Amino acid sequence: MGTPLDPLFTRDVPVAEAARARVLAAAHAELARAPRTRSWRTEALALFAAPTLLSLAVAGVLFVLGRTSLDVMREHAPSLGLLWFASALCAWGALSPRLRRLPLGALGGAGVAAATLVLTRGPAHGVTTLPEWVCTVSHVGVGLVPGAVAVLLLRNAAFQPRRALLAGLSVGTAGAFLGELACSLGPGHVLGYHLSAWAFAAVATLGMARLLPPRSFAP
């Protein structure tokens, strides 16, 4: 059975219209596919779950290895909870198709969480022989898996910088979570080496989402 787009594919296409023909072909192919069964809420939950579950796994490993303790977890519980709240806001704002004010609120939530990490960090204690940049590298490494999940989910809609940036901020909370449990250095270190890793996660997710072609042109 024919579709309203069929006449566009049966006539001769001039060279000047080649670009438009490619767009129409992509639209025709998308219409021919079966409709998606997952809602954006399910995808937002998956985006939030990726860094959150990884954070829990990292906390468990650090505890088993003796690199953190229950006392440290209790001491940092407010900032850890705020990180998860910011991650949820950013994940929801990244994939919500209708809520216009939520992205601004999510960006504000991430900013409040970042400021809290710096302002509530006490003076450095303990001794470390590792260079400070090890924190940045480890935080970026922790975010690789959640970052891959975010990019895959972002490909289900047309690229929008706002979506990609918020998804990256959600991803970056995994590294920040690690820093709260495993690092004993002061607020200047958190500002320069922890938050830079969080910002890198956001920018890297934005860049990868921009480079990879979307699977759908839905808004």
Protein backbone atom coordinates (compact mmCIF):
# COMPACT_ATOMS: atom_id res chain seq x y z
CA MET A 1 0.00 0.00 0.00
CA GLY A 2 1.39 3.37 -0.98
CA THR A 3 2.10 6.28 1.35
CA PRO A 4 1.78 10.04 0.80
CA LEU A 5 5.56 10.19 0.38
CA ASP A 6 5.70 7.73 -2.54
CA PRO A 7 5.34 10.37 -5.30
CA LEU A 8 8.47 12.06 -3.98
CA PHE A 9 10.49 8.90 -4.57
CA THR A 10 9.13 7.96 -8.00
CA ARG A 11 9.86 11.19 -9.85
CA ASP A 12 13.27 12.20 -11.19
CA VAL A 13 15.32 14.07 -8.60
CA PRO A 14 17.52 16.88 -9.91
CA VAL A 15 21.03 17.17 -8.58
CA ALA A 16 20.11 20.39 -6.74
CA GLU A 17 17.48 18.47 -4.74
CA ALA A 18 19.76 15.64 -3.64
CA ALA A 19 20.05 16.90 -0.06
CA ARG A 20 16.28 17.19 0.31
CA ALA A 21 15.85 13.72 -1.15
CA ARG A 22 18.19 12.27 1.46
CA VAL A 23 16.19 13.89 4.27
CA LEU A 24 12.94 12.58 2.81
CA ALA A 25 14.44 9.10 2.48
CA ALA A 26 15.47 9.16 6.15
CA ALA A 27 11.97 10.28 7.15
CA HIS A 28 10.40 7.58 5.00
CA ALA A 29 12.62 4.93 6.59
CA GLU A 30 11.70 6.11 10.08
CA LEU A 31 8.00 5.97 9.29
CA ALA A 32 8.44 2.42 8.01
CA ARG A 33 9.97 1.21 11.25
CA ALA A 34 7.91 -0.11 14.13
CA PRO A 35 7.08 2.57 16.71
CA ARG A 36 9.25 2.83 19.79
CA THR A 37 7.86 1.08 22.85
CA ARG A 38 9.94 2.83 25.52
CA SER A 39 8.69 6.13 26.92
CA TRP A 40 10.98 9.05 27.64
CA ARG A 41 10.37 8.48 31.35
CA THR A 42 11.86 4.99 31.08
CA GLU A 43 14.87 6.40 29.27
CA ALA A 44 15.29 9.17 31.86
CA LEU A 45 15.23 6.54 34.59
CA ALA A 46 17.91 4.57 32.74
CA LEU A 47 20.02 7.72 32.37
CA PHE A 48 19.75 8.37 36.11
CA ALA A 49 20.33 4.73 37.05
CA ALA A 50 23.61 4.39 35.14
CA PRO A 51 25.72 6.78 37.28
CA THR A 52 23.76 6.00 40.44
CA LEU A 53 24.24 2.24 40.33
CA LEU A 54 27.87 2.71 39.38
CA SER A 55 28.30 5.04 42.36
CA LEU A 56 26.92 2.36 44.67
CA ALA A 57 29.23 -0.24 43.14
CA VAL A 58 32.25 2.06 43.57
CA ALA A 59 31.28 2.74 47.19
CA GLY A 60 31.11 -1.00 47.85
CA VAL A 61 34.51 -1.62 46.28
CA LEU A 62 36.11 1.23 48.24
CA PHE A 63 34.61 -0.09 51.46
CA VAL A 64 35.87 -3.63 50.83
CA LEU A 65 39.35 -2.32 50.00
CA GLY A 66 39.41 -0.19 53.12
CA ARG A 67 39.62 3.10 51.18
CA THR A 68 36.48 4.44 52.84
CA SER A 69 34.37 3.70 55.89
CA LEU A 70 30.85 3.96 57.22
CA ASP A 71 31.87 7.06 59.18
CA VAL A 72 33.03 8.76 55.96
CA MET A 73 29.79 7.80 54.23
CA ARG A 74 27.72 9.23 57.07
CA GLU A 75 29.79 12.41 57.14
CA HIS A 76 29.30 12.98 53.41
CA ALA A 77 25.72 11.67 53.25
CA PRO A 78 24.13 15.12 52.62
CA SER A 79 26.44 15.93 49.71
CA LEU A 80 26.08 12.40 48.29
CA GLY A 81 22.30 12.68 48.44
CA LEU A 82 22.47 16.08 46.77
CA LEU A 83 24.57 14.59 43.97
CA TRP A 84 21.93 11.95 43.33
CA PHE A 85 19.18 14.57 43.41
CA ALA A 86 21.08 16.70 40.89
CA SER A 87 21.65 13.63 38.71
CA ALA A 88 17.92 12.86 38.72
CA LEU A 89 17.01 16.46 37.85
CA CYS A 90 19.51 16.54 34.99
CA ALA A 91 18.42 13.16 33.62
CA TRP A 92 14.75 14.20 33.72
CA GLY A 93 15.51 17.59 32.18
CA ALA A 94 17.65 16.04 29.44
CA LEU A 95 14.95 13.72 28.13
CA SER A 96 11.71 15.48 29.04
CA PRO A 97 10.03 16.63 25.80
CA ARG A 98 7.63 19.18 27.30
CA LEU A 99 8.79 20.71 30.58
CA ARG A 100 10.42 23.98 29.50
CA ARG A 101 11.51 25.28 32.91
CA LEU A 102 12.95 22.00 34.18
CA PRO A 103 16.27 22.27 32.27
CA LEU A 104 17.01 25.59 34.00
CA GLY A 105 16.13 24.07 37.36
CA ALA A 106 18.30 21.04 36.62
CA LEU A 107 21.24 23.25 35.71
CA GLY A 108 20.72 25.17 38.94
CA GLY A 109 20.56 21.94 40.92
CA ALA A 110 23.87 20.79 39.47
CA GLY A 111 25.40 24.17 40.31
CA VAL A 112 24.17 23.97 43.92
CA ALA A 113 25.55 20.44 44.25
CA ALA A 114 28.94 21.51 42.86
CA ALA A 115 29.12 24.51 45.22
CA THR A 116 28.17 22.29 48.15
CA LEU A 117 31.03 19.89 47.42
CA VAL A 118 33.50 22.77 47.69
CA LEU A 119 31.96 24.68 50.60
CA THR A 120 31.42 21.64 52.83
CA ARG A 121 34.86 20.14 52.24
CA GLY A 122 37.06 20.54 55.28
CA PRO A 123 40.81 21.07 55.31
CA ALA A 124 43.02 18.39 53.86
CA HIS A 125 43.81 15.49 56.16
CA GLY A 126 45.81 12.33 55.75
CA VAL A 127 48.84 11.76 53.56
CA THR A 128 48.81 10.97 49.85
CA THR A 129 51.73 10.26 47.54
CA LEU A 130 49.68 10.46 44.35
CA PRO A 131 49.59 13.60 42.17
CA GLU A 132 46.36 15.57 42.37
CA TRP A 133 45.44 14.97 38.73
CA VAL A 134 44.88 11.29 39.52
CA CYS A 135 41.49 12.32 40.92
CA THR A 136 40.51 13.97 37.64
CA VAL A 137 41.57 10.96 35.57
CA SER A 138 39.80 8.47 37.84
CA HIS A 139 36.60 10.53 37.86
CA VAL A 140 36.60 10.68 34.07
CA GLY A 141 37.21 6.94 33.90
CA VAL A 142 34.30 6.20 36.23
CA GLY A 143 32.04 8.21 33.92
CA LEU A 144 32.84 6.25 30.76
CA VAL A 145 30.09 3.63 31.13
CA PRO A 146 27.34 6.09 32.17
CA GLY A 147 28.54 8.37 29.38
CA ALA A 148 28.10 5.61 26.80
CA VAL A 149 24.58 4.96 28.12
CA ALA A 150 23.76 8.68 27.88
CA VAL A 151 24.98 8.97 24.28
CA LEU A 152 22.97 5.92 23.22
CA LEU A 153 19.82 7.36 24.78
CA LEU A 154 20.40 10.79 23.27
CA ARG A 155 20.52 9.24 19.79
CA ASN A 156 16.82 8.38 20.10
CA ALA A 157 15.92 12.01 19.36
CA ALA A 158 17.22 14.87 17.28
CA PHE A 159 20.36 16.47 18.69
CA GLN A 160 19.79 19.35 21.08
CA PRO A 161 22.72 20.87 22.98
CA ARG A 162 20.60 21.41 26.08
CA ARG A 163 19.69 17.73 26.28
CA ALA A 164 23.25 16.56 25.79
CA LEU A 165 24.71 18.99 28.33
CA LEU A 166 22.23 18.00 31.03
CA ALA A 167 22.80 14.31 30.30
CA GLY A 168 26.54 14.89 30.70
CA LEU A 169 26.01 16.63 34.04
CA SER A 170 24.04 13.62 35.22
CA VAL A 171 26.87 11.34 34.09
CA GLY A 172 29.49 13.43 35.90
CA THR A 173 27.92 12.84 39.32
CA ALA A 174 29.46 9.35 39.37
CA GLY A 175 32.98 10.80 39.47
CA ALA A 176 32.00 13.43 42.02
CA PHE A 177 30.55 10.66 44.20
CA LEU A 178 33.87 8.83 44.04
CA GLY A 179 35.72 11.98 45.07
CA GLU A 180 33.59 12.43 48.18
CA LEU A 181 34.42 8.95 49.42
CA ALA A 182 38.01 8.40 48.34
CA CYS A 183 39.69 11.83 48.48
CA SER A 184 40.77 13.60 51.67
CA LEU A 185 42.22 16.77 50.13
CA GLY A 186 40.82 20.25 50.70
CA PRO A 187 38.27 22.50 48.95
CA GLY A 188 40.79 24.00 46.52
CA HIS A 189 41.58 20.52 45.24
CA VAL A 190 37.86 19.73 44.86
CA LEU A 191 37.33 22.94 42.90
CA GLY A 192 40.28 22.43 40.58
CA TYR A 193 40.41 18.67 40.08
CA HIS A 194 37.01 17.21 40.96
CA LEU A 195 34.73 19.78 39.36
CA SER A 196 36.92 19.92 36.26
CA ALA A 197 36.26 16.20 35.75
CA TRP A 198 32.52 16.82 36.16
CA ALA A 199 32.67 19.61 33.58
CA PHE A 200 34.68 17.40 31.23
CA ALA A 201 32.01 14.68 31.46
CA ALA A 202 29.34 17.20 30.46
CA VAL A 203 31.33 18.63 27.54
CA ALA A 204 32.45 15.18 26.32
CA THR A 205 28.85 13.91 26.31
CA LEU A 206 27.80 17.01 24.40
CA GLY A 207 30.57 16.48 21.85
CA MET A 208 29.89 12.77 21.31
CA ALA A 209 26.15 13.36 20.96
CA ARG A 210 26.90 16.04 18.35
CA LEU A 211 29.20 13.78 16.34
CA LEU A 212 27.07 10.63 16.25
CA PRO A 213 24.06 10.65 13.90
CA PRO A 214 20.69 10.30 15.64
CA ARG A 215 18.51 7.23 15.09
CA SER A 216 15.43 9.45 15.08
CA PHE A 217 14.67 13.05 14.12
CA ALA A 218 11.94 13.34 16.74
CA PRO A 219 12.19 16.51 18.88
